[in-house]
Amino acid sequence: MPRGVPVATVAINNATNAGLLAVRMLGVGDSDLLARMSQYQEDTRDEVLKKAEKLQRDGWESYLNP
């Protein structure tokens, strides 16, 4: 694309990130959608932090072989 034309790129076979990008763009004009997107991000962050804590506490072998 020429300069000044913003583009978003998403990896092949990564529909989740493409969908999240679309929701962010649509959320500019829809406060309910924006609030739901924010809640999704918070939930995802909490889930990742729990996994990181378990990994640090139990070690990688235990984490990968429950």
PDB file of N, CA and C in Angstrom:
ATOM      1  N   MET A   1       0.847  -1.181   0.000  1.00  0.00           N
ATOM      2  CA  MET A   1       0.000   0.000   0.000  1.00  0.00           C
ATOM      3  C   MET A   1       0.887   1.237   0.000  1.00  0.00           C
ATOM      4  N   PRO A   2       0.395   2.292  -0.621  1.00  0.00           N
ATOM      5  CA  PRO A   2       1.176   3.539  -0.609  1.00  0.00           C
ATOM      6  C   PRO A   2       1.202   4.163   0.784  1.00  0.00           C
ATOM      7  N   ARG A   3       2.126   5.043   1.002  1.00  0.00           N
ATOM      8  CA  ARG A   3       2.220   5.724   2.295  1.00  0.00           C
ATOM      9  C   ARG A   3       0.917   6.427   2.614  1.00  0.00           C
ATOM     10  N   GLY A   4       0.589   6.426   3.887  1.00  0.00           N
ATOM     11  CA  GLY A   4      -0.619   7.107   4.324  1.00  0.00           C
ATOM     12  C   GLY A   4      -1.869   6.250   4.303  1.00  0.00           C
ATOM     13  N   VAL A   5      -1.748   5.020   3.776  1.00  0.00           N
ATOM     14  CA  VAL A   5      -2.893   4.110   3.742  1.00  0.00           C
ATOM     15  C   VAL A   5      -2.629   3.031   4.786  1.00  0.00           C
ATOM     16  N   PRO A   6      -3.321   3.099   5.930  1.00  0.00           N
ATOM     17  CA  PRO A   6      -3.056   2.106   6.973  1.00  0.00           C
ATOM     18  C   PRO A   6      -3.572   0.728   6.585  1.00  0.00           C
ATOM     19  N   VAL A   7      -2.788  -0.272   6.871  1.00  0.00           N
ATOM     20  CA  VAL A   7      -3.198  -1.654   6.629  1.00  0.00           C
ATOM     21  C   VAL A   7      -2.901  -2.479   7.871  1.00  0.00           C
ATOM     22  N   ALA A   8      -3.712  -3.457   8.087  1.00  0.00           N
ATOM     23  CA  ALA A   8      -3.487  -4.380   9.194  1.00  0.00           C
ATOM     24  C   ALA A   8      -3.179  -5.737   8.583  1.00  0.00           C
ATOM     25  N   THR A   9      -2.154  -6.369   9.089  1.00  0.00           N
ATOM     26  CA  THR A   9      -1.807  -7.689   8.584  1.00  0.00           C
ATOM     27  C   THR A   9      -2.044  -8.729   9.668  1.00  0.00           C
ATOM     28  N   VAL A  10      -2.486  -9.871   9.247  1.00  0.00           N
ATOM     29  CA  VAL A  10      -2.760 -10.976  10.151  1.00  0.00           C
ATOM     30  C   VAL A  10      -2.153 -12.221   9.523  1.00  0.00           C
ATOM     31  N   ALA A  11      -1.556 -13.056  10.344  1.00  0.00           N
ATOM     32  CA  ALA A  11      -0.915 -14.267   9.836  1.00  0.00           C
ATOM     33  C   ALA A  11      -1.940 -15.203   9.196  1.00  0.00           C
ATOM     34  N   ILE A  12      -1.462 -15.978   8.258  1.00  0.00           N
ATOM     35  CA  ILE A  12      -2.302 -16.974   7.603  1.00  0.00           C
ATOM     36  C   ILE A  12      -2.793 -17.970   8.656  1.00  0.00           C
ATOM     37  N   ASN A  13      -4.041 -18.390   8.548  1.00  0.00           N
ATOM     38  CA  ASN A  13      -4.675 -19.331   9.480  1.00  0.00           C
ATOM     39  C   ASN A  13      -4.784 -18.778  10.898  1.00  0.00           C
ATOM     40  N   ASN A  14      -4.955 -17.478  11.011  1.00  0.00           N
ATOM     41  CA  ASN A  14      -5.095 -16.869  12.328  1.00  0.00           C
ATOM     42  C   ASN A  14      -6.384 -16.056  12.377  1.00  0.00           C
ATOM     43  N   ALA A  15      -7.483 -16.737  12.221  1.00  0.00           N
ATOM     44  CA  ALA A  15      -8.791 -16.086  12.170  1.00  0.00           C
ATOM     45  C   ALA A  15      -9.128 -15.390  13.484  1.00  0.00           C
ATOM     46  N   THR A  16      -8.628 -15.890  14.586  1.00  0.00           N
ATOM     47  CA  THR A  16      -8.926 -15.269  15.878  1.00  0.00           C
ATOM     48  C   THR A  16      -8.413 -13.833  15.909  1.00  0.00           C
ATOM     49  N   ASN A  17      -7.164 -13.642  15.544  1.00  0.00           N
ATOM     50  CA  ASN A  17      -6.613 -12.288  15.561  1.00  0.00           C
ATOM     51  C   ASN A  17      -7.285 -11.397  14.523  1.00  0.00           C
ATOM     52  N   ALA A  18      -7.656 -11.941  13.399  1.00  0.00           N
ATOM     53  CA  ALA A  18      -8.371 -11.149  12.393  1.00  0.00           C
ATOM     54  C   ALA A  18      -9.722 -10.704  12.942  1.00  0.00           C
ATOM     55  N   GLY A  19     -10.406 -11.587  13.637  1.00  0.00           N
ATOM     56  CA  GLY A  19     -11.692 -11.244  14.231  1.00  0.00           C
ATOM     57  C   GLY A  19     -11.546 -10.196  15.317  1.00  0.00           C
ATOM     58  N   LEU A  20     -10.513 -10.333  16.149  1.00  0.00           N
ATOM     59  CA  LEU A  20     -10.286  -9.350  17.206  1.00  0.00           C
ATOM     60  C   LEU A  20      -9.965  -7.974  16.618  1.00  0.00           C
ATOM     61  N   LEU A  21      -9.207  -7.960  15.552  1.00  0.00           N
ATOM     62  CA  LEU A  21      -8.910  -6.695  14.883  1.00  0.00           C
ATOM     63  C   LEU A  21     -10.180  -6.055  14.344  1.00  0.00           C
ATOM     64  N   ALA A  22     -11.039  -6.852  13.748  1.00  0.00           N
ATOM     65  CA  ALA A  22     -12.298  -6.335  13.217  1.00  0.00           C
ATOM     66  C   ALA A  22     -13.175  -5.782  14.337  1.00  0.00           C
ATOM     67  N   VAL A  23     -13.233  -6.467  15.455  1.00  0.00           N
ATOM     68  CA  VAL A  23     -14.041  -5.999  16.586  1.00  0.00           C
ATOM     69  C   VAL A  23     -13.494  -4.682  17.125  1.00  0.00           C
ATOM     70  N   ARG A  24     -12.178  -4.559  17.188  1.00  0.00           N
ATOM     71  CA  ARG A  24     -11.584  -3.293  17.633  1.00  0.00           C
ATOM     72  C   ARG A  24     -11.982  -2.153  16.705  1.00  0.00           C
ATOM     73  N   MET A  25     -11.944  -2.415  15.428  1.00  0.00           N
ATOM     74  CA  MET A  25     -12.297  -1.379  14.459  1.00  0.00           C
ATOM     75  C   MET A  25     -13.779  -1.016  14.576  1.00  0.00           C
ATOM     76  N   LEU A  26     -14.627  -2.008  14.707  1.00  0.00           N
ATOM     77  CA  LEU A  26     -16.064  -1.743  14.838  1.00  0.00           C
ATOM     78  C   LEU A  26     -16.398  -1.099  16.179  1.00  0.00           C
ATOM     79  N   GLY A  27     -15.588  -1.382  17.193  1.00  0.00           N
ATOM     80  CA  GLY A  27     -15.818  -0.837  18.521  1.00  0.00           C
ATOM     81  C   GLY A  27     -15.671   0.669  18.592  1.00  0.00           C
ATOM     82  N   VAL A  28     -15.032   1.250  17.607  1.00  0.00           N
ATOM     83  CA  VAL A  28     -14.891   2.705  17.578  1.00  0.00           C
ATOM     84  C   VAL A  28     -16.265   3.376  17.569  1.00  0.00           C
ATOM     85  N   GLY A  29     -17.226   2.755  16.907  1.00  0.00           N
ATOM     86  CA  GLY A  29     -18.550   3.339  16.804  1.00  0.00           C
ATOM     87  C   GLY A  29     -19.617   2.640  17.628  1.00  0.00           C
ATOM     88  N   ASP A  30     -19.226   1.660  18.433  1.00  0.00           N
ATOM     89  CA  ASP A  30     -20.213   0.891  19.193  1.00  0.00           C
ATOM     90  C   ASP A  30     -19.678   0.670  20.604  1.00  0.00           C
ATOM     91  N   SER A  31     -20.196   1.428  21.566  1.00  0.00           N
ATOM     92  CA  SER A  31     -19.669   1.366  22.926  1.00  0.00           C
ATOM     93  C   SER A  31     -19.895   0.003  23.580  1.00  0.00           C
ATOM     94  N   ASP A  32     -21.018  -0.669  23.265  1.00  0.00           N
ATOM     95  CA  ASP A  32     -21.273  -2.002  23.826  1.00  0.00           C
ATOM     96  C   ASP A  32     -20.231  -2.994  23.322  1.00  0.00           C
ATOM     97  N   LEU A  33     -19.938  -2.943  22.049  1.00  0.00           N
ATOM     98  CA  LEU A  33     -18.941  -3.833  21.464  1.00  0.00           C
ATOM     99  C   LEU A  33     -17.565  -3.557  22.062  1.00  0.00           C
ATOM    100  N   LEU A  34     -17.265  -2.292  22.252  1.00  0.00           N
ATOM    101  CA  LEU A  34     -15.981  -1.922  22.844  1.00  0.00           C
ATOM    102  C   LEU A  34     -15.876  -2.437  24.281  1.00  0.00           C
ATOM    103  N   ALA A  35     -16.954  -2.345  25.044  1.00  0.00           N
ATOM    104  CA  ALA A  35     -16.955  -2.847  26.422  1.00  0.00           C
ATOM    105  C   ALA A  35     -16.779  -4.360  26.450  1.00  0.00           C
ATOM    106  N   ARG A  36     -17.440  -5.057  25.546  1.00  0.00           N
ATOM    107  CA  ARG A  36     -17.315  -6.520  25.494  1.00  0.00           C
ATOM    108  C   ARG A  36     -15.906  -6.928  25.089  1.00  0.00           C
ATOM    109  N   MET A  37     -15.293  -6.158  24.187  1.00  0.00           N
ATOM    110  CA  MET A  37     -13.919  -6.432  23.772  1.00  0.00           C
ATOM    111  C   MET A  37     -12.966  -6.222  24.950  1.00  0.00           C
ATOM    112  N   SER A  38     -13.181  -5.174  25.702  1.00  0.00           N
ATOM    113  CA  SER A  38     -12.341  -4.915  26.877  1.00  0.00           C
ATOM    114  C   SER A  38     -12.466  -6.037  27.898  1.00  0.00           C
ATOM    115  N   GLN A  39     -13.681  -6.530  28.113  1.00  0.00           N
ATOM    116  CA  GLN A  39     -13.887  -7.633  29.045  1.00  0.00           C
ATOM    117  C   GLN A  39     -13.181  -8.894  28.556  1.00  0.00           C
ATOM    118  N   TYR A  40     -13.258  -9.158  27.258  1.00  0.00           N
ATOM    119  CA  TYR A  40     -12.570 -10.311  26.676  1.00  0.00           C
ATOM    120  C   TYR A  40     -11.065 -10.197  26.921  1.00  0.00           C
ATOM    121  N   GLN A  41     -10.516  -9.008  26.724  1.00  0.00           N
ATOM    122  CA  GLN A  41      -9.081  -8.814  26.929  1.00  0.00           C
ATOM    123  C   GLN A  41      -8.696  -9.044  28.386  1.00  0.00           C
ATOM    124  N   GLU A  42      -9.508  -8.548  29.307  1.00  0.00           N
ATOM    125  CA  GLU A  42      -9.226  -8.760  30.728  1.00  0.00           C
ATOM    126  C   GLU A  42      -9.279 -10.243  31.083  1.00  0.00           C
ATOM    127  N   ASP A  43     -10.292 -10.937  30.582  1.00  0.00           N
ATOM    128  CA  ASP A  43     -10.418 -12.373  30.848  1.00  0.00           C
ATOM    129  C   ASP A  43      -9.226 -13.136  30.294  1.00  0.00           C
ATOM    130  N   THR A  44      -8.811 -12.788  29.093  1.00  0.00           N
ATOM    131  CA  THR A  44      -7.667 -13.451  28.467  1.00  0.00           C
ATOM    132  C   THR A  44      -6.397 -13.183  29.259  1.00  0.00           C
ATOM    133  N   ARG A  45      -6.210 -11.929  29.699  1.00  0.00           N
ATOM    134  CA  ARG A  45      -5.037 -11.584  30.499  1.00  0.00           C
ATOM    135  C   ARG A  45      -5.007 -12.410  31.774  1.00  0.00           C
ATOM    136  N   ASP A  46      -6.143 -12.504  32.462  1.00  0.00           N
ATOM    137  CA  ASP A  46      -6.203 -13.266  33.706  1.00  0.00           C
ATOM    138  C   ASP A  46      -5.865 -14.733  33.478  1.00  0.00           C
ATOM    139  N   GLU A  47      -6.365 -15.289  32.387  1.00  0.00           N
ATOM    140  CA  GLU A  47      -6.092 -16.694  32.054  1.00  0.00           C
ATOM    141  C   GLU A  47      -4.601 -16.914  31.806  1.00  0.00           C
ATOM    142  N   VAL A  48      -3.979 -16.003  31.083  1.00  0.00           N
ATOM    143  CA  VAL A  48      -2.546 -16.119  30.784  1.00  0.00           C
ATOM    144  C   VAL A  48      -1.723 -15.984  32.060  1.00  0.00           C
ATOM    145  N   LEU A  49      -2.106 -15.058  32.935  1.00  0.00           N
ATOM    146  CA  LEU A  49      -1.366 -14.888  34.181  1.00  0.00           C
ATOM    147  C   LEU A  49      -1.474 -16.121  35.077  1.00  0.00           C
ATOM    148  N   LYS A  50      -2.623 -16.773  35.091  1.00  0.00           N
ATOM    149  CA  LYS A  50      -2.784 -18.011  35.856  1.00  0.00           C
ATOM    150  C   LYS A  50      -1.873 -19.109  35.307  1.00  0.00           C
ATOM    151  N   LYS A  51      -1.810 -19.204  33.971  1.00  0.00           N
ATOM    152  CA  LYS A  51      -0.944 -20.218  33.358  1.00  0.00           C
ATOM    153  C   LYS A  51       0.527 -19.929  33.663  1.00  0.00           C
ATOM    154  N   ALA A  52       0.912 -18.666  33.624  1.00  0.00           N
ATOM    155  CA  ALA A  52       2.296 -18.289  33.911  1.00  0.00           C
ATOM    156  C   ALA A  52       2.655 -18.618  35.361  1.00  0.00           C
ATOM    157  N   GLU A  53       1.719 -18.358  36.264  1.00  0.00           N
ATOM    158  CA  GLU A  53       1.954 -18.666  37.674  1.00  0.00           C
ATOM    159  C   GLU A  53       2.130 -20.169  37.879  1.00  0.00           C
ATOM    160  N   LYS A  54       1.296 -20.958  37.233  1.00  0.00           N
ATOM    161  CA  LYS A  54       1.393 -22.419  37.346  1.00  0.00           C
ATOM    162  C   LYS A  54       2.720 -22.905  36.774  1.00  0.00           C
ATOM    163  N   LEU A  55       3.121 -22.334  35.667  1.00  0.00           N
ATOM    164  CA  LEU A  55       4.384 -22.715  35.041  1.00  0.00           C
ATOM    165  C   LEU A  55       5.560 -22.413  35.958  1.00  0.00           C
ATOM    166  N   GLN A  56       5.550 -21.237  36.568  1.00  0.00           N
ATOM    167  CA  GLN A  56       6.643 -20.883  37.481  1.00  0.00           C
ATOM    168  C   GLN A  56       6.627 -21.744  38.734  1.00  0.00           C
ATOM    169  N   ARG A  57       5.443 -22.038  39.237  1.00  0.00           N
ATOM    170  CA  ARG A  57       5.321 -22.795  40.482  1.00  0.00           C
ATOM    171  C   ARG A  57       5.710 -24.262  40.286  1.00  0.00           C
ATOM    172  N   ASP A  58       5.182 -24.888  39.219  1.00  0.00           N
ATOM    173  CA  ASP A  58       5.332 -26.332  39.044  1.00  0.00           C
ATOM    174  C   ASP A  58       6.449 -26.738  38.088  1.00  0.00           C
ATOM    175  N   GLY A  59       6.944 -25.811  37.293  1.00  0.00           N
ATOM    176  CA  GLY A  59       7.984 -26.142  36.314  1.00  0.00           C
ATOM    177  C   GLY A  59       7.375 -26.573  34.982  1.00  0.00           C
ATOM    178  N   TRP A  60       8.191 -26.512  33.950  1.00  0.00           N
ATOM    179  CA  TRP A  60       7.680 -26.762  32.604  1.00  0.00           C
ATOM    180  C   TRP A  60       7.279 -28.210  32.380  1.00  0.00           C
ATOM    181  N   GLU A  61       7.992 -29.163  32.977  1.00  0.00           N
ATOM    182  CA  GLU A  61       7.661 -30.563  32.747  1.00  0.00           C
ATOM    183  C   GLU A  61       6.283 -30.907  33.299  1.00  0.00           C
ATOM    184  N   SER A  62       6.011 -30.427  34.487  1.00  0.00           N
ATOM    185  CA  SER A  62       4.702 -30.659  35.094  1.00  0.00           C
ATOM    186  C   SER A  62       3.607 -29.923  34.323  1.00  0.00           C
ATOM    187  N   TYR A  63       3.945 -28.746  33.841  1.00  0.00           N
ATOM    188  CA  TYR A  63       2.971 -27.940  33.098  1.00  0.00           C
ATOM    189  C   TYR A  63       2.561 -28.647  31.795  1.00  0.00           C
ATOM    190  N   LEU A  64       3.541 -29.220  31.110  1.00  0.00           N
ATOM    191  CA  LEU A  64       3.268 -29.870  29.818  1.00  0.00           C
ATOM    192  C   LEU A  64       2.748 -31.285  29.958  1.00  0.00           C
ATOM    193  N   ASN A  65       2.996 -31.912  31.095  1.00  0.00           N
ATOM    194  CA  ASN A  65       2.559 -33.287  31.331  1.00  0.00           C
ATOM    195  C   ASN A  65       1.704 -33.344  32.591  1.00  0.00           C
ATOM    196  N   PRO A  66       0.456 -32.885  32.532  1.00  0.00           N
ATOM    197  CA  PRO A  66      -0.371 -32.836  33.760  1.00  0.00           C
ATOM    198  C   PRO A  66      -0.707 -34.203  34.315  1.00  0.00           C
TER     199      PRO A  66
END
